[in-house]
Amino acid sequence: MKTVTKKIDTIWFENILAGRKKFELRLADFDIAEGDILRLEEWVGDGAERKFTGRYLEKQITYLRKIDLKDWVNKQPELLDKGMYVLQFE
């Protein structure tokens, strides 16, 4: 088990903190596995002015699925026009 640290904007941070958001959609440019800890550090500002607020959340990954978008777009070209939803349910 390892910890992976990522930056997150305040709007998303607050939604996770409040328990409304129980998922994360990220570019798959890092290694992570079920059981790992995702440390989300709250950052504010833009560009060179962006800075860490000192607040963070740590969440254990309970489900992970990497999606190959090339396969999806080849099978469903309307994805480029319509986009996708990320759905959460309990």
C-alpha atoms as a PDB file:
ATOM      1  CA  MET A   1       0.000   0.000   0.000  1.00  0.00           C
ATOM      2  CA  LYS A   2       1.303   3.434  -0.913  1.00  0.00           C
ATOM      3  CA  THR A   3       0.137   7.042  -0.730  1.00  0.00           C
ATOM      4  CA  VAL A   4      -0.337   9.072  -3.911  1.00  0.00           C
ATOM      5  CA  THR A   5      -0.585  12.861  -3.527  1.00  0.00           C
ATOM      6  CA  LYS A   6      -2.589  15.028  -5.923  1.00  0.00           C
ATOM      7  CA  LYS A   7      -3.688  18.662  -5.973  1.00  0.00           C
ATOM      8  CA  ILE A   8      -7.392  19.513  -5.815  1.00  0.00           C
ATOM      9  CA  ASP A   9      -9.325  22.789  -6.100  1.00  0.00           C
ATOM     10  CA  THR A  10     -11.380  24.039  -3.160  1.00  0.00           C
ATOM     11  CA  ILE A  11     -14.790  23.376  -4.754  1.00  0.00           C
ATOM     12  CA  TRP A  12     -14.034  19.653  -5.125  1.00  0.00           C
ATOM     13  CA  PHE A  13     -12.204  19.460  -1.797  1.00  0.00           C
ATOM     14  CA  GLU A  14     -15.235  20.893   0.041  1.00  0.00           C
ATOM     15  CA  ASN A  15     -17.620  18.466  -1.669  1.00  0.00           C
ATOM     16  CA  ILE A  16     -15.502  15.486  -0.628  1.00  0.00           C
ATOM     17  CA  LEU A  17     -15.123  16.879   2.893  1.00  0.00           C
ATOM     18  CA  ALA A  18     -18.923  17.246   3.160  1.00  0.00           C
ATOM     19  CA  GLY A  19     -19.454  13.674   1.949  1.00  0.00           C
ATOM     20  CA  ARG A  20     -21.278  14.677  -1.259  1.00  0.00           C
ATOM     21  CA  LYS A  21     -18.486  13.607  -3.630  1.00  0.00           C
ATOM     22  CA  LYS A  22     -17.223  10.037  -3.271  1.00  0.00           C
ATOM     23  CA  PHE A  23     -15.261   9.625  -6.478  1.00  0.00           C
ATOM     24  CA  GLU A  24     -12.378  11.212  -8.339  1.00  0.00           C
ATOM     25  CA  LEU A  25     -11.884  11.408 -12.092  1.00  0.00           C
ATOM     26  CA  ARG A  26      -8.206  11.827 -13.003  1.00  0.00           C
ATOM     27  CA  LEU A  27      -5.865  11.554 -15.954  1.00  0.00           C
ATOM     28  CA  ALA A  28      -4.204   8.132 -15.636  1.00  0.00           C
ATOM     29  CA  ASP A  29      -0.640   9.488 -15.616  1.00  0.00           C
ATOM     30  CA  PHE A  30       0.353   7.883 -12.306  1.00  0.00           C
ATOM     31  CA  ASP A  31       0.373   4.435 -10.704  1.00  0.00           C
ATOM     32  CA  ILE A  32      -2.304   3.642  -8.135  1.00  0.00           C
ATOM     33  CA  ALA A  33      -4.075   0.479  -7.029  1.00  0.00           C
ATOM     34  CA  GLU A  34      -7.000  -0.576  -4.884  1.00  0.00           C
ATOM     35  CA  GLY A  35      -5.967  -0.289  -1.251  1.00  0.00           C
ATOM     36  CA  ASP A  36      -3.641   2.673  -1.883  1.00  0.00           C
ATOM     37  CA  ILE A  37      -4.245   6.019  -0.184  1.00  0.00           C
ATOM     38  CA  LEU A  38      -5.112   9.063  -2.296  1.00  0.00           C
ATOM     39  CA  ARG A  39      -3.966  12.222  -0.520  1.00  0.00           C
ATOM     40  CA  LEU A  40      -5.818  15.233  -1.923  1.00  0.00           C
ATOM     41  CA  GLU A  41      -4.159  18.559  -1.107  1.00  0.00           C
ATOM     42  CA  GLU A  42      -6.271  21.692  -1.447  1.00  0.00           C
ATOM     43  CA  TRP A  43      -4.670  24.329  -3.701  1.00  0.00           C
ATOM     44  CA  VAL A  44      -5.976  27.806  -4.558  1.00  0.00           C
ATOM     45  CA  GLY A  45      -5.071  30.368  -7.187  1.00  0.00           C
ATOM     46  CA  ASP A  46      -3.930  30.128 -10.790  1.00  0.00           C
ATOM     47  CA  GLY A  47      -0.585  29.671 -12.503  1.00  0.00           C
ATOM     48  CA  ALA A  48       2.411  30.944 -10.563  1.00  0.00           C
ATOM     49  CA  GLU A  49       0.059  32.259  -7.842  1.00  0.00           C
ATOM     50  CA  ARG A  50      -1.261  28.756  -7.070  1.00  0.00           C
ATOM     51  CA  LYS A  51      -0.491  27.667  -3.502  1.00  0.00           C
ATOM     52  CA  PHE A  52      -1.207  24.889  -1.007  1.00  0.00           C
ATOM     53  CA  THR A  53      -3.712  25.866   1.715  1.00  0.00           C
ATOM     54  CA  GLY A  54      -2.377  23.344   4.225  1.00  0.00           C
ATOM     55  CA  ARG A  55      -5.595  21.310   4.146  1.00  0.00           C
ATOM     56  CA  TYR A  56      -5.672  17.760   2.846  1.00  0.00           C
ATOM     57  CA  LEU A  57      -7.825  14.634   2.843  1.00  0.00           C
ATOM     58  CA  GLU A  58      -6.675  11.036   2.683  1.00  0.00           C
ATOM     59  CA  LYS A  59      -8.994   8.444   1.149  1.00  0.00           C
ATOM     60  CA  GLN A  60      -8.385   4.755   0.608  1.00  0.00           C
ATOM     61  CA  ILE A  61      -9.063   3.568  -2.948  1.00  0.00           C
ATOM     62  CA  THR A  62     -11.763   0.881  -2.820  1.00  0.00           C
ATOM     63  CA  TYR A  63     -12.486   0.622  -6.547  1.00  0.00           C
ATOM     64  CA  LEU A  64     -10.408   1.549  -9.577  1.00  0.00           C
ATOM     65  CA  ARG A  65     -10.986   1.183 -13.288  1.00  0.00           C
ATOM     66  CA  LYS A  66      -8.714   2.548 -15.980  1.00  0.00           C
ATOM     67  CA  ILE A  67     -10.645   3.430 -19.125  1.00  0.00           C
ATOM     68  CA  ASP A  68      -9.054   3.313 -22.575  1.00  0.00           C
ATOM     69  CA  LEU A  69     -10.777   6.253 -24.247  1.00  0.00           C
ATOM     70  CA  LYS A  70      -9.551   5.295 -27.733  1.00  0.00           C
ATOM     71  CA  ASP A  71     -11.598   2.090 -27.553  1.00  0.00           C
ATOM     72  CA  TRP A  72     -14.659   3.929 -26.287  1.00  0.00           C
ATOM     73  CA  VAL A  73     -14.515   6.640 -28.951  1.00  0.00           C
ATOM     74  CA  ASN A  74     -14.002   4.065 -31.724  1.00  0.00           C
ATOM     75  CA  LYS A  75     -17.085   2.160 -30.561  1.00  0.00           C
ATOM     76  CA  GLN A  76     -19.180   5.233 -29.719  1.00  0.00           C
ATOM     77  CA  PRO A  77     -18.037   8.269 -31.755  1.00  0.00           C
ATOM     78  CA  GLU A  78     -20.862  10.388 -30.280  1.00  0.00           C
ATOM     79  CA  LEU A  79     -18.762  10.607 -27.107  1.00  0.00           C
ATOM     80  CA  LEU A  80     -16.761  13.381 -28.735  1.00  0.00           C
ATOM     81  CA  ASP A  81     -19.936  15.452 -29.185  1.00  0.00           C
ATOM     82  CA  LYS A  82     -21.965  14.499 -26.127  1.00  0.00           C
ATOM     83  CA  GLY A  83     -19.329  13.768 -23.493  1.00  0.00           C
ATOM     84  CA  MET A  84     -19.897  11.475 -20.537  1.00  0.00           C
ATOM     85  CA  TYR A  85     -21.338  11.620 -17.049  1.00  0.00           C
ATOM     86  CA  VAL A  86     -19.675  10.344 -13.943  1.00  0.00           C
ATOM     87  CA  LEU A  87     -22.441   8.920 -11.794  1.00  0.00           C
ATOM     88  CA  GLN A  88     -22.321   8.296  -8.086  1.00  0.00           C
ATOM     89  CA  PHE A  89     -24.831   6.279  -6.153  1.00  0.00           C
ATOM     90  CA  GLU A  90     -25.309   4.761  -2.715  1.00  0.00           C
END
